[in-house]
Amino acid sequence: MPIYEYRCPKGHVFEVLQRMDASQPEVCEVCGAGPVERVLHPVAIHFKGTGFYATDYGRGSRRQAKESSSDSGGESKSGSSKESGKPSGDS
């Protein structure tokens, strides 16, 4: 059976162990004020596995592809200066 958390209008928070199909309590267990409302909490989510972020652990093939593309980009720049007829700066 799950434990549900309730809050009364005066701010008291209390827990009740009850069945899922049972009706919620109508008054606070601490002070007797009502009506009470169920407190909802966010669910923790853990993304596991590869492919969720670019900085994931794992395969180095992406890093190698980035390095090789940046290396080829540098070579094309030096090659274009030779084609234009301008000196490369090695005078």
PDB file of N, CA and C in Angstrom:
ATOM      1  N   MET A   1       0.842  -1.183   0.000  1.00  0.00           N
ATOM      2  CA  MET A   1       0.000   0.000   0.000  1.00  0.00           C
ATOM      3  C   MET A   1       0.889   1.251   0.000  1.00  0.00           C
ATOM      4  N   PRO A   2       0.530   2.235  -0.784  1.00  0.00           N
ATOM      5  CA  PRO A   2       1.328   3.467  -0.843  1.00  0.00           C
ATOM      6  C   PRO A   2       1.066   4.386   0.344  1.00  0.00           C
ATOM      7  N   ILE A   3       2.026   5.242   0.581  1.00  0.00           N
ATOM      8  CA  ILE A   3       1.899   6.265   1.618  1.00  0.00           C
ATOM      9  C   ILE A   3       1.619   7.590   0.919  1.00  0.00           C
ATOM     10  N   TYR A   4       0.524   8.227   1.274  1.00  0.00           N
ATOM     11  CA  TYR A   4       0.161   9.515   0.698  1.00  0.00           C
ATOM     12  C   TYR A   4       0.389  10.617   1.714  1.00  0.00           C
ATOM     13  N   GLU A   5       0.772  11.765   1.222  1.00  0.00           N
ATOM     14  CA  GLU A   5       1.025  12.917   2.087  1.00  0.00           C
ATOM     15  C   GLU A   5      -0.100  13.933   1.860  1.00  0.00           C
ATOM     16  N   TYR A   6      -0.645  14.453   2.957  1.00  0.00           N
ATOM     17  CA  TYR A   6      -1.739  15.421   2.888  1.00  0.00           C
ATOM     18  C   TYR A   6      -1.368  16.680   3.643  1.00  0.00           C
ATOM     19  N   ARG A   7      -1.979  17.798   3.253  1.00  0.00           N
ATOM     20  CA  ARG A   7      -1.749  19.085   3.913  1.00  0.00           C
ATOM     21  C   ARG A   7      -3.103  19.680   4.283  1.00  0.00           C
ATOM     22  N   CYS A   8      -3.217  20.192   5.522  1.00  0.00           N
ATOM     23  CA  CYS A   8      -4.455  20.818   5.967  1.00  0.00           C
ATOM     24  C   CYS A   8      -4.392  22.325   5.706  1.00  0.00           C
ATOM     25  N   PRO A   9      -5.528  23.037   5.811  1.00  0.00           N
ATOM     26  CA  PRO A   9      -5.530  24.478   5.557  1.00  0.00           C
ATOM     27  C   PRO A   9      -4.643  25.274   6.513  1.00  0.00           C
ATOM     28  N   LYS A  10      -4.347  24.724   7.679  1.00  0.00           N
ATOM     29  CA  LYS A  10      -3.507  25.423   8.657  1.00  0.00           C
ATOM     30  C   LYS A  10      -2.022  25.148   8.448  1.00  0.00           C
ATOM     31  N   GLY A  11      -1.673  24.314   7.464  1.00  0.00           N
ATOM     32  CA  GLY A  11      -0.277  24.082   7.129  1.00  0.00           C
ATOM     33  C   GLY A  11       0.324  22.806   7.672  1.00  0.00           C
ATOM     34  N   HIS A  12      -0.407  22.030   8.432  1.00  0.00           N
ATOM     35  CA  HIS A  12       0.125  20.754   8.925  1.00  0.00           C
ATOM     36  C   HIS A  12       0.247  19.780   7.763  1.00  0.00           C
ATOM     37  N   VAL A  13       1.305  18.999   7.778  1.00  0.00           N
ATOM     38  CA  VAL A  13       1.505  17.956   6.773  1.00  0.00           C
ATOM     39  C   VAL A  13       1.569  16.624   7.501  1.00  0.00           C
ATOM     40  N   PHE A  14       0.813  15.643   6.990  1.00  0.00           N
ATOM     41  CA  PHE A  14       0.819  14.325   7.614  1.00  0.00           C
ATOM     42  C   PHE A  14       0.721  13.261   6.531  1.00  0.00           C
ATOM     43  N   GLU A  15       1.150  12.052   6.870  1.00  0.00           N
ATOM     44  CA  GLU A  15       1.158  10.931   5.938  1.00  0.00           C
ATOM     45  C   GLU A  15       0.116   9.904   6.342  1.00  0.00           C
ATOM     46  N   VAL A  16      -0.475   9.260   5.326  1.00  0.00           N
ATOM     47  CA  VAL A  16      -1.470   8.227   5.574  1.00  0.00           C
ATOM     48  C   VAL A  16      -1.130   7.025   4.696  1.00  0.00           C
ATOM     49  N   LEU A  17      -1.054   5.848   5.313  1.00  0.00           N
ATOM     50  CA  LEU A  17      -0.853   4.605   4.592  1.00  0.00           C
ATOM     51  C   LEU A  17      -2.235   4.075   4.231  1.00  0.00           C
ATOM     52  N   GLN A  18      -2.564   4.102   2.918  1.00  0.00           N
ATOM     53  CA  GLN A  18      -3.902   3.688   2.516  1.00  0.00           C
ATOM     54  C   GLN A  18      -3.872   3.053   1.130  1.00  0.00           C
ATOM     55  N   ARG A  19      -4.937   2.353   0.810  1.00  0.00           N
ATOM     56  CA  ARG A  19      -5.060   1.732  -0.501  1.00  0.00           C
ATOM     57  C   ARG A  19      -5.235   2.798  -1.570  1.00  0.00           C
ATOM     58  N   MET A  20      -4.915   2.442  -2.810  1.00  0.00           N
ATOM     59  CA  MET A  20      -5.028   3.403  -3.899  1.00  0.00           C
ATOM     60  C   MET A  20      -6.479   3.789  -4.180  1.00  0.00           C
ATOM     61  N   ASP A  21      -7.411   2.868  -3.963  1.00  0.00           N
ATOM     62  CA  ASP A  21      -8.809   3.161  -4.253  1.00  0.00           C
ATOM     63  C   ASP A  21      -9.567   3.702  -3.040  1.00  0.00           C
ATOM     64  N   ALA A  22      -8.890   3.874  -1.916  1.00  0.00           N
ATOM     65  CA  ALA A  22      -9.537   4.418  -0.717  1.00  0.00           C
ATOM     66  C   ALA A  22      -9.716   5.925  -0.852  1.00  0.00           C
ATOM     67  N   SER A  23     -10.755   6.454  -0.233  1.00  0.00           N
ATOM     68  CA  SER A  23     -11.001   7.896  -0.288  1.00  0.00           C
ATOM     69  C   SER A  23     -10.041   8.612   0.654  1.00  0.00           C
ATOM     70  N   GLN A  24      -9.719   9.854   0.308  1.00  0.00           N
ATOM     71  CA  GLN A  24      -8.779  10.608   1.130  1.00  0.00           C
ATOM     72  C   GLN A  24      -9.450  11.062   2.429  1.00  0.00           C
ATOM     73  N   PRO A  25      -8.648  11.280   3.477  1.00  0.00           N
ATOM     74  CA  PRO A  25      -9.231  11.753   4.737  1.00  0.00           C
ATOM     75  C   PRO A  25      -9.845  13.142   4.558  1.00  0.00           C
ATOM     76  N   GLU A  26     -10.864  13.433   5.335  1.00  0.00           N
ATOM     77  CA  GLU A  26     -11.561  14.714   5.198  1.00  0.00           C
ATOM     78  C   GLU A  26     -11.046  15.769   6.163  1.00  0.00           C
ATOM     79  N   VAL A  27     -10.433  15.340   7.273  1.00  0.00           N
ATOM     80  CA  VAL A  27      -9.927  16.291   8.265  1.00  0.00           C
ATOM     81  C   VAL A  27      -8.473  15.970   8.607  1.00  0.00           C
ATOM     82  N   CYS A  28      -7.776  16.974   9.113  1.00  0.00           N
ATOM     83  CA  CYS A  28      -6.374  16.841   9.502  1.00  0.00           C
ATOM     84  C   CYS A  28      -6.248  15.944  10.726  1.00  0.00           C
ATOM     85  N   GLU A  29      -5.250  15.065  10.719  1.00  0.00           N
ATOM     86  CA  GLU A  29      -5.009  14.193  11.868  1.00  0.00           C
ATOM     87  C   GLU A  29      -4.418  14.964  13.036  1.00  0.00           C
ATOM     88  N   VAL A  30      -3.780  16.117  12.783  1.00  0.00           N
ATOM     89  CA  VAL A  30      -3.111  16.876  13.836  1.00  0.00           C
ATOM     90  C   VAL A  30      -4.087  17.801  14.545  1.00  0.00           C
ATOM     91  N   CYS A  31      -4.837  18.616  13.754  1.00  0.00           N
ATOM     92  CA  CYS A  31      -5.688  19.631  14.382  1.00  0.00           C
ATOM     93  C   CYS A  31      -7.178  19.447  14.116  1.00  0.00           C
ATOM     94  N   GLY A  32      -7.554  18.579  13.193  1.00  0.00           N
ATOM     95  CA  GLY A  32      -8.961  18.329  12.916  1.00  0.00           C
ATOM     96  C   GLY A  32      -9.570  19.291  11.899  1.00  0.00           C
ATOM     97  N   ALA A  33      -8.775  20.192  11.315  1.00  0.00           N
ATOM     98  CA  ALA A  33      -9.296  21.124  10.313  1.00  0.00           C
ATOM     99  C   ALA A  33      -9.434  20.415   8.970  1.00  0.00           C
ATOM    100  N   GLY A  34     -10.306  20.913   8.152  1.00  0.00           N
ATOM    101  CA  GLY A  34     -10.508  20.295   6.845  1.00  0.00           C
ATOM    102  C   GLY A  34     -10.977  21.330   5.849  1.00  0.00           C
ATOM    103  N   PRO A  35     -11.071  21.061   4.631  1.00  0.00           N
ATOM    104  CA  PRO A  35     -10.674  19.819   3.963  1.00  0.00           C
ATOM    105  C   PRO A  35      -9.167  19.765   3.719  1.00  0.00           C
ATOM    106  N   VAL A  36      -8.651  18.563   3.595  1.00  0.00           N
ATOM    107  CA  VAL A  36      -7.219  18.385   3.343  1.00  0.00           C
ATOM    108  C   VAL A  36      -6.998  18.161   1.849  1.00  0.00           C
ATOM    109  N   GLU A  37      -5.789  18.456   1.387  1.00  0.00           N
ATOM    110  CA  GLU A  37      -5.452  18.227  -0.013  1.00  0.00           C
ATOM    111  C   GLU A  37      -4.217  17.343  -0.097  1.00  0.00           C
ATOM    112  N   ARG A  38      -4.160  16.530  -1.140  1.00  0.00           N
ATOM    113  CA  ARG A  38      -3.032  15.624  -1.331  1.00  0.00           C
ATOM    114  C   ARG A  38      -1.839  16.428  -1.849  1.00  0.00           C
ATOM    115  N   VAL A  39      -0.673  16.163  -1.287  1.00  0.00           N
ATOM    116  CA  VAL A  39       0.558  16.826  -1.700  1.00  0.00           C
ATOM    117  C   VAL A  39       1.215  15.961  -2.772  1.00  0.00           C
ATOM    118  N   LEU A  40       1.502  16.588  -3.912  1.00  0.00           N
ATOM    119  CA  LEU A  40       2.160  15.872  -5.005  1.00  0.00           C
ATOM    120  C   LEU A  40       3.607  16.319  -5.098  1.00  0.00           C
ATOM    121  N   HIS A  41       4.494  15.360  -5.306  1.00  0.00           N
ATOM    122  CA  HIS A  41       5.921  15.635  -5.428  1.00  0.00           C
ATOM    123  C   HIS A  41       6.385  15.237  -6.825  1.00  0.00           C
ATOM    124  N   PRO A  42       7.365  15.947  -7.388  1.00  0.00           N
ATOM    125  CA  PRO A  42       7.871  15.560  -8.707  1.00  0.00           C
ATOM    126  C   PRO A  42       8.597  14.216  -8.651  1.00  0.00           C
ATOM    127  N   VAL A  43       8.547  13.521  -9.752  1.00  0.00           N
ATOM    128  CA  VAL A  43       9.160  12.210  -9.845  1.00  0.00           C
ATOM    129  C   VAL A  43      10.600  12.368 -10.328  1.00  0.00           C
ATOM    130  N   ALA A  44      11.506  11.621  -9.733  1.00  0.00           N
ATOM    131  CA  ALA A  44      12.905  11.654 -10.150  1.00  0.00           C
ATOM    132  C   ALA A  44      13.066  10.841 -11.430  1.00  0.00           C
ATOM    133  N   ILE A  45      13.695  11.442 -12.445  1.00  0.00           N
ATOM    134  CA  ILE A  45      13.919  10.767 -13.716  1.00  0.00           C
ATOM    135  C   ILE A  45      15.414  10.689 -13.967  1.00  0.00           C
ATOM    136  N   HIS A  46      15.883   9.510 -14.282  1.00  0.00           N
ATOM    137  CA  HIS A  46      17.299   9.311 -14.591  1.00  0.00           C
ATOM    138  C   HIS A  46      17.410   8.822 -16.022  1.00  0.00           C
ATOM    139  N   PHE A  47      18.067   9.605 -16.877  1.00  0.00           N
ATOM    140  CA  PHE A  47      18.293   9.198 -18.251  1.00  0.00           C
ATOM    141  C   PHE A  47      19.570   8.374 -18.289  1.00  0.00           C
ATOM    142  N   LYS A  48      19.449   7.121 -18.662  1.00  0.00           N
ATOM    143  CA  LYS A  48      20.606   6.244 -18.717  1.00  0.00           C
ATOM    144  C   LYS A  48      20.796   5.764 -20.139  1.00  0.00           C
ATOM    145  N   GLY A  49      22.025   5.539 -20.488  1.00  0.00           N
ATOM    146  CA  GLY A  49      22.336   5.059 -21.819  1.00  0.00           C
ATOM    147  C   GLY A  49      23.029   6.139 -22.625  1.00  0.00           C
ATOM    148  N   THR A  50      23.353   5.813 -23.858  1.00  0.00           N
ATOM    149  CA  THR A  50      24.052   6.767 -24.700  1.00  0.00           C
ATOM    150  C   THR A  50      23.058   7.518 -25.567  1.00  0.00           C
ATOM    151  N   GLY A  51      23.474   8.678 -26.001  1.00  0.00           N
ATOM    152  CA  GLY A  51      22.661   9.429 -26.944  1.00  0.00           C
ATOM    153  C   GLY A  51      21.822  10.527 -26.353  1.00  0.00           C
ATOM    154  N   PHE A  52      21.888  10.783 -25.062  1.00  0.00           N
ATOM    155  CA  PHE A  52      21.077  11.827 -24.470  1.00  0.00           C
ATOM    156  C   PHE A  52      21.764  13.188 -24.544  1.00  0.00           C
ATOM    157  N   TYR A  53      23.072  13.208 -24.426  1.00  0.00           N
ATOM    158  CA  TYR A  53      23.813  14.464 -24.452  1.00  0.00           C
ATOM    159  C   TYR A  53      25.027  14.322 -25.354  1.00  0.00           C
ATOM    160  N   ALA A  54      25.535  15.430 -25.842  1.00  0.00           N
ATOM    161  CA  ALA A  54      26.729  15.410 -26.685  1.00  0.00           C
ATOM    162  C   ALA A  54      27.974  15.070 -25.876  1.00  0.00           C
ATOM    163  N   THR A  55      27.909  15.265 -24.562  1.00  0.00           N
ATOM    164  CA  THR A  55      29.063  15.007 -23.705  1.00  0.00           C
ATOM    165  C   THR A  55      28.983  13.641 -23.031  1.00  0.00           C
ATOM    166  N   ASP A  56      28.183  12.744 -23.585  1.00  0.00           N
ATOM    167  CA  ASP A  56      28.051  11.416 -22.999  1.00  0.00           C
ATOM    168  C   ASP A  56      29.383  10.690 -22.953  1.00  0.00           C
ATOM    169  N   TYR A  57      29.470   9.752 -22.035  1.00  0.00           N
ATOM    170  CA  TYR A  57      30.611   8.858 -21.997  1.00  0.00           C
ATOM    171  C   TYR A  57      30.479   7.904 -23.168  1.00  0.00           C
ATOM    172  N   GLY A  58      31.572   7.323 -23.534  1.00  0.00           N
ATOM    173  CA  GLY A  58      31.429   6.258 -24.510  1.00  0.00           C
ATOM    174  C   GLY A  58      32.277   6.450 -25.738  1.00  0.00           C
ATOM    175  N   ARG A  59      31.675   6.244 -26.856  1.00  0.00           N
ATOM    176  CA  ARG A  59      32.380   6.144 -28.131  1.00  0.00           C
ATOM    177  C   ARG A  59      33.199   7.386 -28.439  1.00  0.00           C
ATOM    178  N   GLY A  60      34.424   7.162 -28.859  1.00  0.00           N
ATOM    179  CA  GLY A  60      35.303   8.256 -29.230  1.00  0.00           C
ATOM    180  C   GLY A  60      35.222   8.559 -30.717  1.00  0.00           C
ATOM    181  N   SER A  61      34.345   7.873 -31.454  1.00  0.00           N
ATOM    182  CA  SER A  61      34.273   8.070 -32.897  1.00  0.00           C
ATOM    183  C   SER A  61      33.828   9.485 -33.239  1.00  0.00           C
ATOM    184  N   ARG A  62      32.968  10.088 -32.444  1.00  0.00           N
ATOM    185  CA  ARG A  62      32.526  11.457 -32.708  1.00  0.00           C
ATOM    186  C   ARG A  62      33.673  12.438 -32.500  1.00  0.00           C
ATOM    187  N   ARG A  63      34.456  12.217 -31.469  1.00  0.00           N
ATOM    188  CA  ARG A  63      35.592  13.096 -31.214  1.00  0.00           C
ATOM    189  C   ARG A  63      36.597  13.001 -32.353  1.00  0.00           C
ATOM    190  N   GLN A  64      36.857  11.777 -32.798  1.00  0.00           N
ATOM    191  CA  GLN A  64      37.804  11.577 -33.889  1.00  0.00           C
ATOM    192  C   GLN A  64      37.292  12.224 -35.169  1.00  0.00           C
ATOM    193  N   ALA A  65      35.981  12.154 -35.409  1.00  0.00           N
ATOM    194  CA  ALA A  65      35.405  12.754 -36.607  1.00  0.00           C
ATOM    195  C   ALA A  65      35.520  14.272 -36.536  1.00  0.00           C
ATOM    196  N   LYS A  66      35.302  14.867 -35.356  1.00  0.00           N
ATOM    197  CA  LYS A  66      35.421  16.317 -35.189  1.00  0.00           C
ATOM    198  C   LYS A  66      36.860  16.765 -35.399  1.00  0.00           C
ATOM    199  N   GLU A  67      37.811  16.017 -34.852  1.00  0.00           N
ATOM    200  CA  GLU A  67      39.213  16.381 -34.987  1.00  0.00           C
ATOM    201  C   GLU A  67      39.657  16.284 -36.442  1.00  0.00           C
ATOM    202  N   SER A  68      39.229  15.253 -37.141  1.00  0.00           N
ATOM    203  CA  SER A  68      39.640  15.094 -38.535  1.00  0.00           C
ATOM    204  C   SER A  68      39.002  16.162 -39.417  1.00  0.00           C
ATOM    205  N   SER A  69      37.772  16.579 -39.112  1.00  0.00           N
ATOM    206  CA  SER A  69      37.135  17.624 -39.912  1.00  0.00           C
ATOM    207  C   SER A  69      37.781  18.977 -39.643  1.00  0.00           C
ATOM    208  N   SER A  70      38.211  19.235 -38.416  1.00  0.00           N
ATOM    209  CA  SER A  70      38.879  20.508 -38.124  1.00  0.00           C
ATOM    210  C   SER A  70      40.282  20.523 -38.734  1.00  0.00           C
ATOM    211  N   ASP A  71      40.948  19.369 -38.793  1.00  0.00           N
ATOM    212  CA  ASP A  71      42.263  19.289 -39.433  1.00  0.00           C
ATOM    213  C   ASP A  71      42.147  19.525 -40.931  1.00  0.00           C
ATOM    214  N   SER A  72      41.157  18.949 -41.561  1.00  0.00           N
ATOM    215  CA  SER A  72      40.996  19.122 -43.002  1.00  0.00           C
ATOM    216  C   SER A  72      40.600  20.555 -43.319  1.00  0.00           C
ATOM    217  N   GLY A  73      39.898  21.226 -42.401  1.00  0.00           N
ATOM    218  CA  GLY A  73      39.529  22.624 -42.603  1.00  0.00           C
ATOM    219  C   GLY A  73      40.747  23.515 -42.585  1.00  0.00           C
ATOM    220  N   GLY A  74      41.734  23.217 -41.761  1.00  0.00           N
ATOM    221  CA  GLY A  74      42.957  24.001 -41.680  1.00  0.00           C
ATOM    222  C   GLY A  74      43.803  23.817 -42.923  1.00  0.00           C
ATOM    223  N   GLU A  75      43.794  22.595 -43.500  1.00  0.00           N
ATOM    224  CA  GLU A  75      44.571  22.333 -44.699  1.00  0.00           C
ATOM    225  C   GLU A  75      43.992  23.047 -45.904  1.00  0.00           C
ATOM    226  N   SER A  76      42.667  23.152 -45.957  1.00  0.00           N
ATOM    227  CA  SER A  76      42.058  23.798 -47.106  1.00  0.00           C
ATOM    228  C   SER A  76      42.346  25.294 -47.104  1.00  0.00           C
ATOM    229  N   LYS A  77      42.497  25.897 -45.935  1.00  0.00           N
ATOM    230  CA  LYS A  77      42.812  27.320 -45.865  1.00  0.00           C
ATOM    231  C   LYS A  77      44.220  27.580 -46.394  1.00  0.00           C
ATOM    232  N   SER A  78      45.182  26.741 -46.001  1.00  0.00           N
ATOM    233  CA  SER A  78      46.549  26.944 -46.468  1.00  0.00           C
ATOM    234  C   SER A  78      46.643  26.637 -47.955  1.00  0.00           C
ATOM    235  N   GLY A  79      45.853  25.693 -48.425  1.00  0.00           N
ATOM    236  CA  GLY A  79      45.853  25.358 -49.840  1.00  0.00           C
ATOM    237  C   GLY A  79      45.263  26.485 -50.673  1.00  0.00           C
ATOM    238  N   SER A  80      44.261  27.194 -50.159  1.00  0.00           N
ATOM    239  CA  SER A  80      43.634  28.266 -50.928  1.00  0.00           C
ATOM    240  C   SER A  80      44.563  29.460 -51.062  1.00  0.00           C
ATOM    241  N   SER A  81      45.438  29.716 -50.069  1.00  0.00           N
ATOM    242  CA  SER A  81      46.343  30.845 -50.170  1.00  0.00           C
ATOM    243  C   SER A  81      47.401  30.575 -51.229  1.00  0.00           C
ATOM    244  N   LYS A  82      47.789  29.327 -51.420  1.00  0.00           N
ATOM    245  CA  LYS A  82      48.766  28.996 -52.448  1.00  0.00           C
ATOM    246  C   LYS A  82      48.161  29.180 -53.828  1.00  0.00           C
ATOM    247  N   GLU A  83      46.877  28.830 -53.951  1.00  0.00           N
ATOM    248  CA  GLU A  83      46.222  28.951 -55.241  1.00  0.00           C
ATOM    249  C   GLU A  83      46.025  30.404 -55.645  1.00  0.00           C
ATOM    250  N   SER A  84      45.842  31.309 -54.680  1.00  0.00           N
ATOM    251  CA  SER A  84      45.580  32.701 -54.998  1.00  0.00           C
ATOM    252  C   SER A  84      46.831  33.434 -55.428  1.00  0.00           C
ATOM    253  N   GLY A  85      48.025  32.857 -55.229  1.00  0.00           N
ATOM    254  CA  GLY A  85      49.260  33.474 -55.648  1.00  0.00           C
ATOM    255  C   GLY A  85      49.870  34.386 -54.608  1.00  0.00           C
ATOM    256  N   LYS A  86      49.247  34.474 -53.434  1.00  0.00           N
ATOM    257  CA  LYS A  86      49.771  35.304 -52.367  1.00  0.00           C
ATOM    258  C   LYS A  86      50.841  34.524 -51.626  1.00  0.00           C
ATOM    259  N   PRO A  87      51.859  35.189 -51.130  1.00  0.00           N
ATOM    260  CA  PRO A  87      52.865  34.463 -50.354  1.00  0.00           C
ATOM    261  C   PRO A  87      52.284  33.974 -49.044  1.00  0.00           C
ATOM    262  N   SER A  88      52.783  32.873 -48.562  1.00  0.00           N
ATOM    263  CA  SER A  88      52.259  32.259 -47.345  1.00  0.00           C
ATOM    264  C   SER A  88      52.856  32.872 -46.101  1.00  0.00           C
ATOM    265  N   GLY A  89      53.763  33.810 -46.216  1.00  0.00           N
ATOM    266  CA  GLY A  89      54.320  34.452 -45.040  1.00  0.00           C
ATOM    267  C   GLY A  89      55.669  33.889 -44.662  1.00  0.00           C
ATOM    268  N   ASP A  90      56.214  32.945 -45.434  1.00  0.00           N
ATOM    269  CA  ASP A  90      57.523  32.351 -45.154  1.00  0.00           C
ATOM    270  C   ASP A  90      58.587  33.072 -46.005  1.00  0.00           C
ATOM    271  N   SER A  91      58.854  34.329 -45.761  1.00  0.00           N
ATOM    272  CA  SER A  91      59.792  35.106 -46.580  1.00  0.00           C
ATOM    273  C   SER A  91      61.202  34.981 -46.102  1.00  0.00           C
TER     274      SER A  91
END
